[in-house]
Amino acid sequence: MVMVCTGTATTSVTVISTPAPSPVTATPSTICLGDLSDLNAISVGNTINWFTVPSGGVSLGSTASGVNFPVTPGVTTTYYAESVNPGGGLRFPNDF
């Protein structure tokens, strides 16, 4: 569908793209049941939201870029990181 403007007024649209977070790291990446692992992702100046589903779902929590997010999974779990600009903008996921 093609939109045709009939007036002379125009407006600009600005899209702010947040960089995708670096690949997520887990330290240690293999743990015993009940042990702790620290997840980490970097997207400078952005907030990292943590999930156990690749799309949608409820965030497990959030950290500043580069700050560890501790997890104690009861089973083998895949975690996903999403970077969000604190001032708004697009979200970009990554997974571990």
C-alpha atoms as a PDB file:
ATOM      1  CA  MET A   1       0.000   0.000   0.000  1.00  0.00           C
ATOM      2  CA  VAL A   2       1.388   3.404  -0.970  1.00  0.00           C
ATOM      3  CA  MET A   3       0.579   6.390   1.239  1.00  0.00           C
ATOM      4  CA  VAL A   4       0.232   9.760  -0.482  1.00  0.00           C
ATOM      5  CA  CYS A   5       0.371  12.961   1.542  1.00  0.00           C
ATOM      6  CA  THR A   6      -2.072  15.590   0.382  1.00  0.00           C
ATOM      7  CA  GLY A   7      -0.767  18.421   2.568  1.00  0.00           C
ATOM      8  CA  THR A   8       2.586  20.136   2.689  1.00  0.00           C
ATOM      9  CA  ALA A   9       3.389  19.293   6.305  1.00  0.00           C
ATOM     10  CA  THR A  10       5.945  16.548   6.911  1.00  0.00           C
ATOM     11  CA  THR A  11       7.486  14.985   9.978  1.00  0.00           C
ATOM     12  CA  SER A  12      10.679  13.085  10.693  1.00  0.00           C
ATOM     13  CA  VAL A  13      10.870   9.683  12.322  1.00  0.00           C
ATOM     14  CA  THR A  14      13.956   8.801  14.334  1.00  0.00           C
ATOM     15  CA  VAL A  15      14.806   5.189  15.193  1.00  0.00           C
ATOM     16  CA  ILE A  16      17.350   4.549  17.943  1.00  0.00           C
ATOM     17  CA  SER A  17      18.902   1.124  17.648  1.00  0.00           C
ATOM     18  CA  THR A  18      20.395  -0.405  20.766  1.00  0.00           C
ATOM     19  CA  PRO A  19      23.396  -2.661  20.079  1.00  0.00           C
ATOM     20  CA  ALA A  20      22.779  -6.353  20.682  1.00  0.00           C
ATOM     21  CA  PRO A  21      24.479  -7.579  23.847  1.00  0.00           C
ATOM     22  CA  SER A  22      27.753  -9.431  23.573  1.00  0.00           C
ATOM     23  CA  PRO A  23      27.463 -13.184  23.682  1.00  0.00           C
ATOM     24  CA  VAL A  24      26.292 -14.139  27.149  1.00  0.00           C
ATOM     25  CA  THR A  25      28.875 -15.773  29.391  1.00  0.00           C
ATOM     26  CA  ALA A  26      28.273 -18.032  32.373  1.00  0.00           C
ATOM     27  CA  THR A  27      30.946 -18.432  35.044  1.00  0.00           C
ATOM     28  CA  PRO A  28      31.235 -21.268  35.721  1.00  0.00           C
ATOM     29  CA  SER A  29      29.384 -22.673  32.707  1.00  0.00           C
ATOM     30  CA  THR A  30      28.916 -26.121  34.293  1.00  0.00           C
ATOM     31  CA  ILE A  31      27.650 -26.372  37.870  1.00  0.00           C
ATOM     32  CA  CYS A  32      26.255 -28.941  40.288  1.00  0.00           C
ATOM     33  CA  LEU A  33      22.586 -28.834  41.196  1.00  0.00           C
ATOM     34  CA  GLY A  34      22.000 -25.931  43.571  1.00  0.00           C
ATOM     35  CA  ASP A  35      25.291 -24.164  42.785  1.00  0.00           C
ATOM     36  CA  LEU A  36      25.517 -20.601  41.543  1.00  0.00           C
ATOM     37  CA  SER A  37      26.633 -19.363  38.125  1.00  0.00           C
ATOM     38  CA  ASP A  38      27.087 -15.713  37.151  1.00  0.00           C
ATOM     39  CA  LEU A  39      25.658 -14.654  33.779  1.00  0.00           C
ATOM     40  CA  ASN A  40      27.136 -11.610  32.074  1.00  0.00           C
ATOM     41  CA  ALA A  41      26.503  -9.654  28.868  1.00  0.00           C
ATOM     42  CA  ILE A  42      27.810  -6.326  27.628  1.00  0.00           C
ATOM     43  CA  SER A  43      25.947  -3.623  25.739  1.00  0.00           C
ATOM     44  CA  VAL A  44      27.664  -0.401  26.812  1.00  0.00           C
ATOM     45  CA  GLY A  45      25.334   2.153  28.373  1.00  0.00           C
ATOM     46  CA  ASN A  46      22.339  -0.175  28.257  1.00  0.00           C
ATOM     47  CA  THR A  47      20.390  -2.360  30.673  1.00  0.00           C
ATOM     48  CA  ILE A  48      20.466  -6.150  30.274  1.00  0.00           C
ATOM     49  CA  ASN A  49      17.185  -8.012  30.870  1.00  0.00           C
ATOM     50  CA  TRP A  50      17.424 -11.766  31.552  1.00  0.00           C
ATOM     51  CA  PHE A  51      14.975 -14.447  30.359  1.00  0.00           C
ATOM     52  CA  THR A  52      14.616 -18.227  30.027  1.00  0.00           C
ATOM     53  CA  VAL A  53      12.622 -17.930  26.780  1.00  0.00           C
ATOM     54  CA  PRO A  54      13.915 -16.489  23.497  1.00  0.00           C
ATOM     55  CA  SER A  55      10.941 -14.203  22.868  1.00  0.00           C
ATOM     56  CA  GLY A  56       8.266 -12.750  25.104  1.00  0.00           C
ATOM     57  CA  GLY A  57       8.010 -14.086  28.617  1.00  0.00           C
ATOM     58  CA  VAL A  58       8.676 -12.387  31.898  1.00  0.00           C
ATOM     59  CA  SER A  59      12.116 -11.025  32.730  1.00  0.00           C
ATOM     60  CA  LEU A  60      13.956 -12.837  35.538  1.00  0.00           C
ATOM     61  CA  GLY A  61      15.579  -9.526  36.405  1.00  0.00           C
ATOM     62  CA  SER A  62      17.924  -6.954  34.958  1.00  0.00           C
ATOM     63  CA  THR A  63      21.446  -5.658  35.433  1.00  0.00           C
ATOM     64  CA  ALA A  64      23.543  -2.854  34.109  1.00  0.00           C
ATOM     65  CA  SER A  65      25.779  -3.787  31.184  1.00  0.00           C
ATOM     66  CA  GLY A  66      28.734  -5.890  32.337  1.00  0.00           C
ATOM     67  CA  VAL A  67      27.292  -6.601  35.802  1.00  0.00           C
ATOM     68  CA  ASN A  68      26.903 -10.263  36.812  1.00  0.00           C
ATOM     69  CA  PHE A  69      23.429 -11.753  37.148  1.00  0.00           C
ATOM     70  CA  PRO A  70      23.559 -14.735  39.557  1.00  0.00           C
ATOM     71  CA  VAL A  71      21.434 -17.807  38.794  1.00  0.00           C
ATOM     72  CA  THR A  72      20.940 -21.124  40.577  1.00  0.00           C
ATOM     73  CA  PRO A  73      19.121 -23.347  38.087  1.00  0.00           C
ATOM     74  CA  GLY A  74      17.564 -26.611  39.232  1.00  0.00           C
ATOM     75  CA  VAL A  75      17.864 -28.161  35.743  1.00  0.00           C
ATOM     76  CA  THR A  76      19.860 -27.480  32.579  1.00  0.00           C
ATOM     77  CA  THR A  77      18.662 -24.037  31.494  1.00  0.00           C
ATOM     78  CA  THR A  78      19.249 -21.757  28.516  1.00  0.00           C
ATOM     79  CA  TYR A  79      19.308 -18.066  29.394  1.00  0.00           C
ATOM     80  CA  TYR A  80      18.641 -15.150  27.048  1.00  0.00           C
ATOM     81  CA  ALA A  81      19.856 -11.572  27.358  1.00  0.00           C
ATOM     82  CA  GLU A  82      18.132  -8.524  25.920  1.00  0.00           C
ATOM     83  CA  SER A  83      19.749  -5.085  25.830  1.00  0.00           C
ATOM     84  CA  VAL A  84      17.512  -2.081  26.412  1.00  0.00           C
ATOM     85  CA  ASN A  85      18.427   1.578  26.200  1.00  0.00           C
ATOM     86  CA  PRO A  86      17.314   3.157  29.496  1.00  0.00           C
ATOM     87  CA  GLY A  87      15.924   6.091  27.481  1.00  0.00           C
ATOM     88  CA  GLY A  88      13.864   3.851  25.209  1.00  0.00           C
ATOM     89  CA  GLY A  89      14.649   2.414  21.805  1.00  0.00           C
ATOM     90  CA  LEU A  90      14.696  -1.015  20.227  1.00  0.00           C
ATOM     91  CA  ARG A  91      15.484  -4.204  22.104  1.00  0.00           C
ATOM     92  CA  PHE A  92      18.006  -6.760  20.910  1.00  0.00           C
ATOM     93  CA  PRO A  93      18.196 -10.305  22.264  1.00  0.00           C
ATOM     94  CA  ASN A  94      21.092 -12.702  22.564  1.00  0.00           C
ATOM     95  CA  ASP A  95      21.304 -16.129  24.156  1.00  0.00           C
ATOM     96  CA  PHE A  96      23.615 -18.501  25.950  1.00  0.00           C
END
